[in-house]
Amino acid sequence: MHLSLLDAVYCLMVRSCEMKVSGGIVYRWSLLTLLLSMSGLLRADFTAAENLANQCQSAEKREKVCVVYVSQPGCPFCARMEREVLGPLQKVPWLMESIELVELGWAFESVVGFGDQRMTGPELMTELGVSGAPALLFLDGEGNALVDPILGYQSPDFFWFYLERSIERAQQKIGAISAKNSLKAD
């Protein structure tokens, strides 16, 4: 199947088709990232973690996955992840409808964790089992991991595949939690 550049962009934006290149590997997001970065639309805008427990509980009540982005000032891999993945992610409505993206930084001096205790960013990261940045955690309202975290960043090539898969699996678990909680309420 041959696609024009405009057709390819349309397919990428509405998720109605995939493009197979170089040995059958699906590249859905690499072209989107390239086009958005050239257009200047990649500025990532995050909600800072203030009360992470409340933020994740609120997301779960709305059947969203709480995706916690662990960042560190001056981290070149964090900057690349923001530019190449998290900025474009925020421009994809069908993914953003299923997640709440929250930033937890190493430099954060005061964050309320899941035990309602005020702590520093590094203390909360230790509690969550994170020892480096960048990282993406997929949490429920109690701070439990829904799926394995994505640790580190090299390039967007396969990262989008793992990110989308993690969001979909975490979303399924959030749906199961929500259904279980509604049965308890009945």
N, C-alpha and C. Protein backbone atom coordinates (compact mmCIF):
# COMPACT_ATOMS: atom_id res chain seq x y z
N MET A 1 0.85 -1.17 0.00
CA MET A 1 0.00 0.00 0.00
C MET A 1 0.89 1.23 0.00
N HIS A 2 0.70 2.12 -0.96
CA HIS A 2 1.47 3.35 -1.04
C HIS A 2 0.66 4.50 -0.47
N LEU A 3 1.27 5.30 0.39
CA LEU A 3 0.59 6.44 0.98
C LEU A 3 1.35 7.71 0.65
N SER A 4 0.62 8.78 0.38
CA SER A 4 1.27 10.07 0.24
C SER A 4 1.64 10.56 1.63
N LEU A 5 2.48 11.59 1.72
CA LEU A 5 2.87 12.11 3.02
C LEU A 5 1.66 12.60 3.80
N LEU A 6 0.73 13.29 3.14
CA LEU A 6 -0.47 13.77 3.83
C LEU A 6 -1.33 12.62 4.32
N ASP A 7 -1.47 11.58 3.49
CA ASP A 7 -2.23 10.40 3.92
C ASP A 7 -1.57 9.74 5.12
N ALA A 8 -0.24 9.66 5.10
CA ALA A 8 0.49 9.06 6.21
C ALA A 8 0.27 9.85 7.49
N VAL A 9 0.35 11.17 7.41
CA VAL A 9 0.13 12.00 8.60
C VAL A 9 -1.30 11.81 9.11
N TYR A 10 -2.27 11.79 8.21
CA TYR A 10 -3.65 11.58 8.62
C TYR A 10 -3.81 10.23 9.32
N CYS A 11 -3.23 9.20 8.75
CA CYS A 11 -3.31 7.86 9.36
C CYS A 11 -2.68 7.85 10.74
N LEU A 12 -1.55 8.53 10.88
CA LEU A 12 -0.87 8.57 12.18
C LEU A 12 -1.72 9.28 13.21
N MET A 13 -2.36 10.35 12.81
CA MET A 13 -3.12 11.16 13.76
C MET A 13 -4.41 10.47 14.21
N VAL A 14 -5.07 9.75 13.33
CA VAL A 14 -6.35 9.14 13.70
C VAL A 14 -6.24 7.65 13.99
N ARG A 15 -5.04 7.12 13.89
CA ARG A 15 -4.79 5.72 14.23
C ARG A 15 -5.63 4.75 13.39
N SER A 16 -5.81 5.06 12.13
CA SER A 16 -6.62 4.18 11.31
C SER A 16 -5.78 3.25 10.43
N CYS A 17 -4.49 3.45 10.39
CA CYS A 17 -3.65 2.55 9.61
C CYS A 17 -2.23 2.57 10.14
N GLU A 18 -1.45 1.65 9.70
CA GLU A 18 -0.05 1.58 10.07
C GLU A 18 0.78 1.57 8.81
N MET A 19 2.04 1.99 8.93
CA MET A 19 2.95 1.96 7.79
C MET A 19 4.02 0.93 8.09
N LYS A 20 4.24 0.01 7.19
CA LYS A 20 5.27 -1.00 7.39
C LYS A 20 6.45 -0.68 6.49
N VAL A 21 7.61 -0.62 7.09
CA VAL A 21 8.83 -0.34 6.34
C VAL A 21 9.93 -1.22 6.88
N SER A 22 11.04 -1.22 6.23
CA SER A 22 12.27 -1.95 6.61
C SER A 22 12.00 -3.25 7.34
N GLY A 23 11.68 -4.25 6.59
CA GLY A 23 11.52 -5.58 7.16
C GLY A 23 10.21 -5.79 7.88
N GLY A 24 9.20 -5.00 7.58
CA GLY A 24 7.89 -5.19 8.18
C GLY A 24 7.71 -4.54 9.53
N ILE A 25 8.68 -3.77 10.01
CA ILE A 25 8.54 -3.12 11.30
C ILE A 25 7.55 -1.97 11.17
N VAL A 26 6.64 -1.86 12.12
CA VAL A 26 5.63 -0.81 12.06
C VAL A 26 6.20 0.47 12.67
N TYR A 27 6.18 1.53 11.86
CA TYR A 27 6.61 2.84 12.32
C TYR A 27 5.42 3.77 12.27
N ARG A 28 4.72 3.87 13.36
CA ARG A 28 3.56 4.74 13.40
C ARG A 28 3.95 6.09 13.98
N TRP A 29 4.82 6.07 14.97
CA TRP A 29 5.07 7.30 15.72
C TRP A 29 6.33 8.04 15.30
N SER A 30 7.28 7.42 14.68
CA SER A 30 8.51 8.11 14.31
C SER A 30 8.24 9.25 13.36
N LEU A 31 7.40 9.04 12.36
CA LEU A 31 7.06 10.10 11.43
C LEU A 31 6.28 11.20 12.12
N LEU A 32 5.34 10.83 12.98
CA LEU A 32 4.57 11.82 13.71
C LEU A 32 5.50 12.68 14.56
N THR A 33 6.43 12.07 15.26
CA THR A 33 7.37 12.82 16.08
C THR A 33 8.18 13.78 15.23
N LEU A 34 8.67 13.31 14.10
CA LEU A 34 9.45 14.16 13.21
C LEU A 34 8.64 15.36 12.73
N LEU A 35 7.42 15.10 12.28
CA LEU A 35 6.60 16.19 11.76
C LEU A 35 6.22 17.19 12.85
N LEU A 36 5.86 16.71 14.01
CA LEU A 36 5.51 17.63 15.09
C LEU A 36 6.71 18.42 15.57
N SER A 37 7.88 17.79 15.63
CA SER A 37 9.06 18.52 16.09
C SER A 37 9.42 19.62 15.10
N MET A 38 9.21 19.36 13.80
CA MET A 38 9.50 20.38 12.80
C MET A 38 8.49 21.52 12.88
N SER A 39 7.29 21.26 13.37
CA SER A 39 6.26 22.29 13.42
C SER A 39 6.32 23.12 14.70
N GLY A 40 7.16 22.74 15.66
CA GLY A 40 7.26 23.49 16.90
C GLY A 40 6.14 23.23 17.88
N LEU A 41 5.38 22.16 17.70
CA LEU A 41 4.25 21.87 18.56
C LEU A 41 4.58 20.92 19.70
N LEU A 42 5.85 20.69 19.97
CA LEU A 42 6.23 19.65 20.91
C LEU A 42 6.43 20.10 22.34
N ARG A 43 6.17 21.31 22.66
CA ARG A 43 6.40 21.79 24.02
C ARG A 43 5.55 20.98 24.99
N ALA A 44 6.22 20.23 25.84
CA ALA A 44 5.51 19.39 26.82
C ALA A 44 5.05 20.26 27.99
N ASP A 45 3.85 20.01 28.44
CA ASP A 45 3.27 20.76 29.54
C ASP A 45 2.78 19.75 30.57
N PHE A 46 3.39 19.77 31.75
CA PHE A 46 3.09 18.75 32.75
C PHE A 46 2.37 19.33 33.95
N THR A 47 1.59 18.48 34.58
CA THR A 47 1.05 18.79 35.90
C THR A 47 2.09 18.30 36.90
N ALA A 48 2.54 19.19 37.76
CA ALA A 48 3.54 18.80 38.76
C ALA A 48 2.88 17.98 39.86
N ALA A 49 3.62 17.00 40.36
CA ALA A 49 3.15 16.20 41.49
C ALA A 49 3.17 17.08 42.73
N GLU A 50 2.01 17.28 43.31
CA GLU A 50 1.90 18.02 44.57
C GLU A 50 1.41 17.09 45.65
N ASN A 51 0.29 16.41 45.35
CA ASN A 51 -0.24 15.37 46.21
C ASN A 51 -0.49 14.18 45.30
N LEU A 52 0.56 13.38 45.12
CA LEU A 52 0.52 12.31 44.14
C LEU A 52 -0.60 11.31 44.42
N ALA A 53 -0.87 11.04 45.69
CA ALA A 53 -1.94 10.11 46.03
C ALA A 53 -3.28 10.64 45.53
N ASN A 54 -3.58 11.91 45.80
CA ASN A 54 -4.84 12.50 45.34
C ASN A 54 -4.91 12.55 43.82
N GLN A 55 -3.79 12.88 43.18
CA GLN A 55 -3.77 12.96 41.73
C GLN A 55 -4.03 11.60 41.09
N CYS A 56 -3.42 10.56 41.63
CA CYS A 56 -3.62 9.21 41.08
C CYS A 56 -5.01 8.67 41.42
N GLN A 57 -5.52 8.98 42.61
CA GLN A 57 -6.88 8.55 42.96
C GLN A 57 -7.92 9.24 42.08
N SER A 58 -7.71 10.51 41.82
CA SER A 58 -8.61 11.26 40.93
C SER A 58 -8.59 10.66 39.53
N ALA A 59 -7.41 10.32 39.04
CA ALA A 59 -7.30 9.71 37.72
C ALA A 59 -8.05 8.38 37.69
N GLU A 60 -7.86 7.56 38.71
CA GLU A 60 -8.52 6.25 38.75
C GLU A 60 -10.03 6.38 38.76
N LYS A 61 -10.55 7.36 39.51
CA LYS A 61 -12.01 7.58 39.57
C LYS A 61 -12.56 7.93 38.20
N ARG A 62 -11.75 8.56 37.36
CA ARG A 62 -12.16 8.91 36.00
C ARG A 62 -11.75 7.85 35.00
N GLU A 63 -11.34 6.67 35.52
CA GLU A 63 -10.89 5.53 34.72
C GLU A 63 -9.71 5.90 33.82
N LYS A 64 -8.81 6.69 34.36
CA LYS A 64 -7.58 7.05 33.67
C LYS A 64 -6.40 6.43 34.40
N VAL A 65 -5.34 6.20 33.67
CA VAL A 65 -4.10 5.70 34.24
C VAL A 65 -3.27 6.90 34.68
N CYS A 66 -2.74 6.85 35.89
CA CYS A 66 -1.85 7.89 36.37
C CYS A 66 -0.44 7.55 35.87
N VAL A 67 0.03 8.31 34.88
CA VAL A 67 1.37 8.11 34.33
C VAL A 67 2.28 9.14 34.98
N VAL A 68 3.22 8.67 35.76
CA VAL A 68 4.14 9.56 36.47
C VAL A 68 5.46 9.60 35.71
N TYR A 69 5.78 10.80 35.25
CA TYR A 69 7.03 11.04 34.52
C TYR A 69 8.07 11.49 35.54
N VAL A 70 9.11 10.70 35.72
CA VAL A 70 10.19 11.02 36.64
C VAL A 70 11.27 11.77 35.85
N SER A 71 11.55 13.00 36.29
CA SER A 71 12.50 13.85 35.57
C SER A 71 13.61 14.31 36.50
N GLN A 72 14.64 14.86 35.89
CA GLN A 72 15.76 15.40 36.65
C GLN A 72 16.28 16.63 35.90
N PRO A 73 16.49 17.74 36.59
CA PRO A 73 17.01 18.94 35.93
C PRO A 73 18.37 18.66 35.28
N GLY A 74 18.54 19.15 34.07
CA GLY A 74 19.81 18.99 33.38
C GLY A 74 20.02 17.64 32.73
N CYS A 75 19.06 16.77 32.81
CA CYS A 75 19.17 15.42 32.25
C CYS A 75 18.92 15.48 30.74
N PRO A 76 19.92 15.18 29.91
CA PRO A 76 19.72 15.27 28.46
C PRO A 76 18.72 14.23 27.93
N PHE A 77 18.66 13.07 28.57
CA PHE A 77 17.71 12.05 28.14
C PHE A 77 16.28 12.45 28.49
N CYS A 78 16.11 13.15 29.62
CA CYS A 78 14.79 13.67 29.99
C CYS A 78 14.34 14.70 28.96
N ALA A 79 15.25 15.60 28.58
CA ALA A 79 14.92 16.64 27.60
C ALA A 79 14.51 16.01 26.27
N ARG A 80 15.24 14.97 25.86
CA ARG A 80 14.90 14.29 24.60
C ARG A 80 13.56 13.58 24.71
N MET A 81 13.29 12.92 25.85
CA MET A 81 12.01 12.24 26.02
C MET A 81 10.87 13.26 25.97
N GLU A 82 11.06 14.39 26.60
CA GLU A 82 10.03 15.43 26.58
C GLU A 82 9.78 15.91 25.16
N ARG A 83 10.85 16.14 24.42
CA ARG A 83 10.74 16.68 23.06
C ARG A 83 10.23 15.64 22.07
N GLU A 84 10.70 14.40 22.17
CA GLU A 84 10.42 13.40 21.16
C GLU A 84 9.22 12.50 21.49
N VAL A 85 8.82 12.45 22.76
CA VAL A 85 7.73 11.54 23.13
C VAL A 85 6.62 12.26 23.89
N LEU A 86 6.94 12.87 25.01
CA LEU A 86 5.89 13.42 25.86
C LEU A 86 5.20 14.63 25.25
N GLY A 87 5.93 15.46 24.52
CA GLY A 87 5.30 16.57 23.80
C GLY A 87 4.31 16.07 22.75
N PRO A 88 4.75 15.17 21.85
CA PRO A 88 3.80 14.62 20.87
C PRO A 88 2.66 13.85 21.52
N LEU A 89 2.93 13.14 22.61
CA LEU A 89 1.89 12.38 23.31
C LEU A 89 0.73 13.30 23.69
N GLN A 90 1.05 14.49 24.14
CA GLN A 90 0.01 15.42 24.57
C GLN A 90 -0.82 15.97 23.41
N LYS A 91 -0.39 15.71 22.20
CA LYS A 91 -1.14 16.14 21.01
C LYS A 91 -2.00 15.02 20.42
N VAL A 92 -2.01 13.85 21.08
CA VAL A 92 -2.77 12.70 20.59
C VAL A 92 -3.97 12.48 21.51
N PRO A 93 -5.14 13.01 21.13
CA PRO A 93 -6.30 12.98 22.02
C PRO A 93 -6.71 11.60 22.51
N TRP A 94 -6.68 10.58 21.63
CA TRP A 94 -7.16 9.27 22.05
C TRP A 94 -6.26 8.63 23.10
N LEU A 95 -4.99 9.04 23.19
CA LEU A 95 -4.14 8.55 24.27
C LEU A 95 -4.32 9.40 25.53
N MET A 96 -4.40 10.71 25.36
CA MET A 96 -4.52 11.61 26.52
C MET A 96 -5.85 11.42 27.24
N GLU A 97 -6.87 10.93 26.53
CA GLU A 97 -8.16 10.66 27.18
C GLU A 97 -8.07 9.53 28.19
N SER A 98 -7.03 8.70 28.09
CA SER A 98 -6.94 7.54 28.97
C SER A 98 -5.86 7.68 30.04
N ILE A 99 -5.14 8.80 30.06
CA ILE A 99 -4.08 8.96 31.06
C ILE A 99 -4.14 10.33 31.72
N GLU A 100 -3.53 10.39 32.89
CA GLU A 100 -3.26 11.64 33.59
C GLU A 100 -1.74 11.69 33.73
N LEU A 101 -1.10 12.64 33.06
CA LEU A 101 0.36 12.74 33.05
C LEU A 101 0.81 13.69 34.14
N VAL A 102 1.60 13.17 35.09
CA VAL A 102 2.07 13.94 36.24
C VAL A 102 3.59 13.86 36.29
N GLU A 103 4.24 14.99 36.51
CA GLU A 103 5.71 15.01 36.60
C GLU A 103 6.15 14.97 38.06
N LEU A 104 7.09 14.09 38.34
CA LEU A 104 7.72 13.99 39.65
C LEU A 104 9.21 14.21 39.44
N GLY A 105 9.72 15.32 39.91
CA GLY A 105 11.11 15.67 39.65
C GLY A 105 12.03 15.43 40.83
N TRP A 106 13.29 15.13 40.51
CA TRP A 106 14.30 14.94 41.54
C TRP A 106 14.48 16.20 42.37
N ALA A 107 14.21 17.35 41.78
CA ALA A 107 14.41 18.61 42.48
C ALA A 107 13.19 19.03 43.30
N PHE A 108 12.09 18.27 43.25
CA PHE A 108 10.90 18.65 44.00
C PHE A 108 11.20 18.57 45.50
N GLU A 109 10.94 19.67 46.18
CA GLU A 109 11.25 19.74 47.61
C GLU A 109 10.14 19.22 48.50
N SER A 110 8.90 19.27 48.02
CA SER A 110 7.79 18.88 48.87
C SER A 110 6.66 18.28 48.05
N VAL A 111 6.43 16.98 48.25
CA VAL A 111 5.37 16.25 47.56
C VAL A 111 4.68 15.39 48.60
N VAL A 112 3.35 15.30 48.52
CA VAL A 112 2.62 14.40 49.41
C VAL A 112 2.54 13.05 48.72
N GLY A 113 3.03 12.02 49.40
CA GLY A 113 3.05 10.68 48.84
C GLY A 113 1.80 9.90 49.15
N PHE A 114 1.87 8.59 48.98
CA PHE A 114 0.69 7.75 49.14
C PHE A 114 0.35 7.45 50.59
N GLY A 115 1.23 7.72 51.51
CA GLY A 115 0.93 7.56 52.92
C GLY A 115 0.52 8.89 53.54
N ASP A 116 0.15 9.85 52.71
CA ASP A 116 -0.21 11.21 53.13
C ASP A 116 0.92 11.89 53.89
N GLN A 117 2.14 11.48 53.62
CA GLN A 117 3.31 12.11 54.23
C GLN A 117 3.95 13.05 53.22
N ARG A 118 4.37 14.20 53.72
CA ARG A 118 5.10 15.15 52.89
C ARG A 118 6.55 14.70 52.82
N MET A 119 7.11 14.65 51.61
CA MET A 119 8.48 14.21 51.43
C MET A 119 9.08 14.90 50.22
N THR A 120 10.37 14.72 50.01
CA THR A 120 11.03 15.29 48.83
C THR A 120 10.80 14.37 47.64
N GLY A 121 11.06 14.89 46.43
CA GLY A 121 10.95 14.07 45.23
C GLY A 121 11.78 12.80 45.32
N PRO A 122 13.08 12.90 45.68
CA PRO A 122 13.90 11.69 45.78
C PRO A 122 13.38 10.68 46.81
N GLU A 123 12.84 11.16 47.93
CA GLU A 123 12.30 10.24 48.94
C GLU A 123 11.10 9.47 48.38
N LEU A 124 10.22 10.19 47.67
CA LEU A 124 9.05 9.53 47.08
C LEU A 124 9.46 8.55 45.99
N MET A 125 10.47 8.93 45.21
CA MET A 125 10.96 8.03 44.16
C MET A 125 11.52 6.74 44.76
N THR A 126 12.22 6.86 45.88
CA THR A 126 12.74 5.68 46.56
C THR A 126 11.59 4.80 47.02
N GLU A 127 10.55 5.42 47.56
CA GLU A 127 9.36 4.68 47.99
C GLU A 127 8.70 3.95 46.82
N LEU A 128 8.75 4.58 45.63
CA LEU A 128 8.14 3.99 44.43
C LEU A 128 9.09 3.04 43.69
N GLY A 129 10.34 2.92 44.18
CA GLY A 129 11.30 2.00 43.59
C GLY A 129 12.02 2.53 42.36
N VAL A 130 12.10 3.85 42.23
CA VAL A 130 12.77 4.46 41.08
C VAL A 130 14.13 4.98 41.51
N SER A 131 15.16 4.68 40.70
CA SER A 131 16.50 5.13 41.07
C SER A 131 17.17 5.98 39.99
N GLY A 132 16.43 6.34 38.95
CA GLY A 132 17.02 7.15 37.89
C GLY A 132 15.96 7.84 37.06
N ALA A 133 16.43 8.70 36.19
CA ALA A 133 15.53 9.44 35.31
C ALA A 133 16.12 9.40 33.90
N PRO A 134 15.28 9.46 32.91
CA PRO A 134 13.82 9.53 32.96
C PRO A 134 13.19 8.16 33.19
N ALA A 135 11.98 8.19 33.69
CA ALA A 135 11.21 6.97 33.89
C ALA A 135 9.73 7.31 33.78
N LEU A 136 8.95 6.34 33.37
CA LEU A 136 7.50 6.46 33.34
C LEU A 136 6.91 5.35 34.19
N LEU A 137 6.11 5.75 35.17
CA LEU A 137 5.44 4.80 36.05
C LEU A 137 3.95 4.83 35.73
N PHE A 138 3.31 3.69 35.80
CA PHE A 138 1.89 3.57 35.50
C PHE A 138 1.21 3.09 36.78
N LEU A 139 0.56 4.02 37.50
CA LEU A 139 0.10 3.73 38.85
C LEU A 139 -1.42 3.77 38.97
N ASP A 140 -1.93 2.99 39.93
CA ASP A 140 -3.35 3.09 40.28
C ASP A 140 -3.50 4.11 41.40
N GLY A 141 -4.67 4.24 41.94
CA GLY A 141 -4.95 5.24 42.96
C GLY A 141 -4.29 4.99 44.30
N GLU A 142 -3.77 3.79 44.50
CA GLU A 142 -3.08 3.45 45.74
C GLU A 142 -1.56 3.52 45.60
N GLY A 143 -1.09 3.84 44.40
CA GLY A 143 0.35 3.91 44.17
C GLY A 143 0.97 2.60 43.73
N ASN A 144 0.13 1.61 43.41
CA ASN A 144 0.62 0.32 42.94
C ASN A 144 0.88 0.39 41.44
N ALA A 145 1.93 -0.28 41.02
CA ALA A 145 2.26 -0.33 39.60
C ALA A 145 1.23 -1.20 38.88
N LEU A 146 0.66 -0.65 37.81
CA LEU A 146 -0.28 -1.41 36.99
C LEU A 146 0.45 -2.28 35.98
N VAL A 147 1.57 -1.79 35.49
CA VAL A 147 2.45 -2.50 34.56
C VAL A 147 3.88 -2.13 34.92
N ASP A 148 4.83 -2.82 34.32
CA ASP A 148 6.24 -2.50 34.57
C ASP A 148 6.54 -1.07 34.13
N PRO A 149 7.40 -0.37 34.87
CA PRO A 149 7.77 0.99 34.46
C PRO A 149 8.63 0.96 33.21
N ILE A 150 8.67 2.08 32.54
CA ILE A 150 9.59 2.26 31.42
C ILE A 150 10.74 3.10 31.96
N LEU A 151 11.92 2.51 32.00
CA LEU A 151 13.08 3.16 32.59
C LEU A 151 14.07 3.57 31.51
N GLY A 152 14.49 4.82 31.53
CA GLY A 152 15.48 5.31 30.58
C GLY A 152 14.87 5.69 29.25
N TYR A 153 15.71 6.26 28.40
CA TYR A 153 15.27 6.67 27.07
C TYR A 153 16.47 6.77 26.15
N GLN A 154 16.34 6.21 24.96
CA GLN A 154 17.39 6.30 23.95
C GLN A 154 16.88 7.01 22.70
N SER A 155 15.78 6.50 22.13
CA SER A 155 15.24 7.07 20.90
C SER A 155 13.76 6.73 20.80
N PRO A 156 13.03 7.43 19.94
CA PRO A 156 11.60 7.16 19.81
C PRO A 156 11.27 5.94 18.98
N ASP A 157 12.25 5.31 18.36
CA ASP A 157 11.98 4.24 17.40
C ASP A 157 11.02 3.17 17.92
N PHE A 158 11.34 2.52 18.99
CA PHE A 158 10.46 1.49 19.54
C PHE A 158 9.77 1.96 20.82
N PHE A 159 10.18 3.11 21.30
CA PHE A 159 9.64 3.61 22.56
C PHE A 159 8.12 3.77 22.47
N TRP A 160 7.61 4.29 21.34
CA TRP A 160 6.17 4.49 21.20
C TRP A 160 5.41 3.18 21.30
N PHE A 161 5.98 2.12 20.74
CA PHE A 161 5.33 0.82 20.83
C PHE A 161 5.18 0.40 22.29
N TYR A 162 6.26 0.50 23.05
CA TYR A 162 6.22 0.10 24.46
C TYR A 162 5.32 1.03 25.27
N LEU A 163 5.34 2.31 24.97
CA LEU A 163 4.50 3.26 25.70
C LEU A 163 3.02 2.98 25.44
N GLU A 164 2.65 2.83 24.18
CA GLU A 164 1.25 2.57 23.86
C GLU A 164 0.79 1.24 24.47
N ARG A 165 1.64 0.22 24.39
CA ARG A 165 1.29 -1.08 24.96
C ARG A 165 1.11 -0.97 26.48
N SER A 166 1.99 -0.24 27.14
CA SER A 166 1.89 -0.06 28.59
C SER A 166 0.62 0.68 28.97
N ILE A 167 0.29 1.73 28.22
CA ILE A 167 -0.93 2.48 28.50
C ILE A 167 -2.15 1.59 28.31
N GLU A 168 -2.20 0.83 27.22
CA GLU A 168 -3.35 -0.04 26.97
C GLU A 168 -3.51 -1.10 28.06
N ARG A 169 -2.40 -1.72 28.47
CA ARG A 169 -2.48 -2.75 29.52
C ARG A 169 -2.88 -2.14 30.86
N ALA A 170 -2.31 -0.99 31.17
CA ALA A 170 -2.67 -0.32 32.42
C ALA A 170 -4.13 0.12 32.40
N GLN A 171 -4.60 0.58 31.24
CA GLN A 171 -6.00 0.99 31.10
C GLN A 171 -6.94 -0.19 31.34
N GLN A 172 -6.57 -1.36 30.85
CA GLN A 172 -7.38 -2.56 31.08
C GLN A 172 -7.47 -2.86 32.57
N LYS A 173 -6.36 -2.71 33.28
CA LYS A 173 -6.36 -2.99 34.71
C LYS A 173 -7.17 -1.94 35.48
N ILE A 174 -7.08 -0.68 35.05
CA ILE A 174 -7.89 0.37 35.69
C ILE A 174 -9.37 0.07 35.48
N GLY A 175 -9.74 -0.37 34.27
CA GLY A 175 -11.13 -0.75 33.99
C GLY A 175 -11.58 -1.89 34.88
N ALA A 176 -10.71 -2.86 35.12
CA ALA A 176 -11.04 -3.98 35.99
C ALA A 176 -11.20 -3.52 37.44
N ILE A 177 -10.34 -2.61 37.88
CA ILE A 177 -10.44 -2.06 39.24
C ILE A 177 -11.74 -1.30 39.39
N SER A 178 -12.08 -0.50 38.39
CA SER A 178 -13.30 0.29 38.43
C SER A 178 -14.53 -0.62 38.49
N ALA A 179 -14.53 -1.68 37.67
CA ALA A 179 -15.65 -2.63 37.68
C ALA A 179 -15.76 -3.33 39.02
N LYS A 180 -14.63 -3.71 39.59
CA LYS A 180 -14.62 -4.38 40.90
C LYS A 180 -15.17 -3.44 41.98
N ASN A 181 -14.75 -2.17 41.94
CA ASN A 181 -15.23 -1.20 42.93
C ASN A 181 -16.71 -0.92 42.78
N SER A 182 -17.23 -0.93 41.55
CA SER A 182 -18.65 -0.69 41.37
C SER A 182 -19.48 -1.88 41.84
N LEU A 183 -18.93 -3.11 41.74
CA LEU A 183 -19.61 -4.29 42.27
C LEU A 183 -19.67 -4.24 43.80
N LYS A 184 -18.60 -3.74 44.41
CA LYS A 184 -18.57 -3.62 45.87
C LYS A 184 -19.60 -2.61 46.35
N ALA A 185 -19.81 -1.56 45.56
CA ALA A 185 -20.75 -0.50 45.93
C ALA A 185 -22.20 -0.98 45.83
N ASP A 186 -22.43 -1.97 44.96
CA ASP A 186 -23.81 -2.48 44.76
C ASP A 186 -24.20 -3.41 45.83
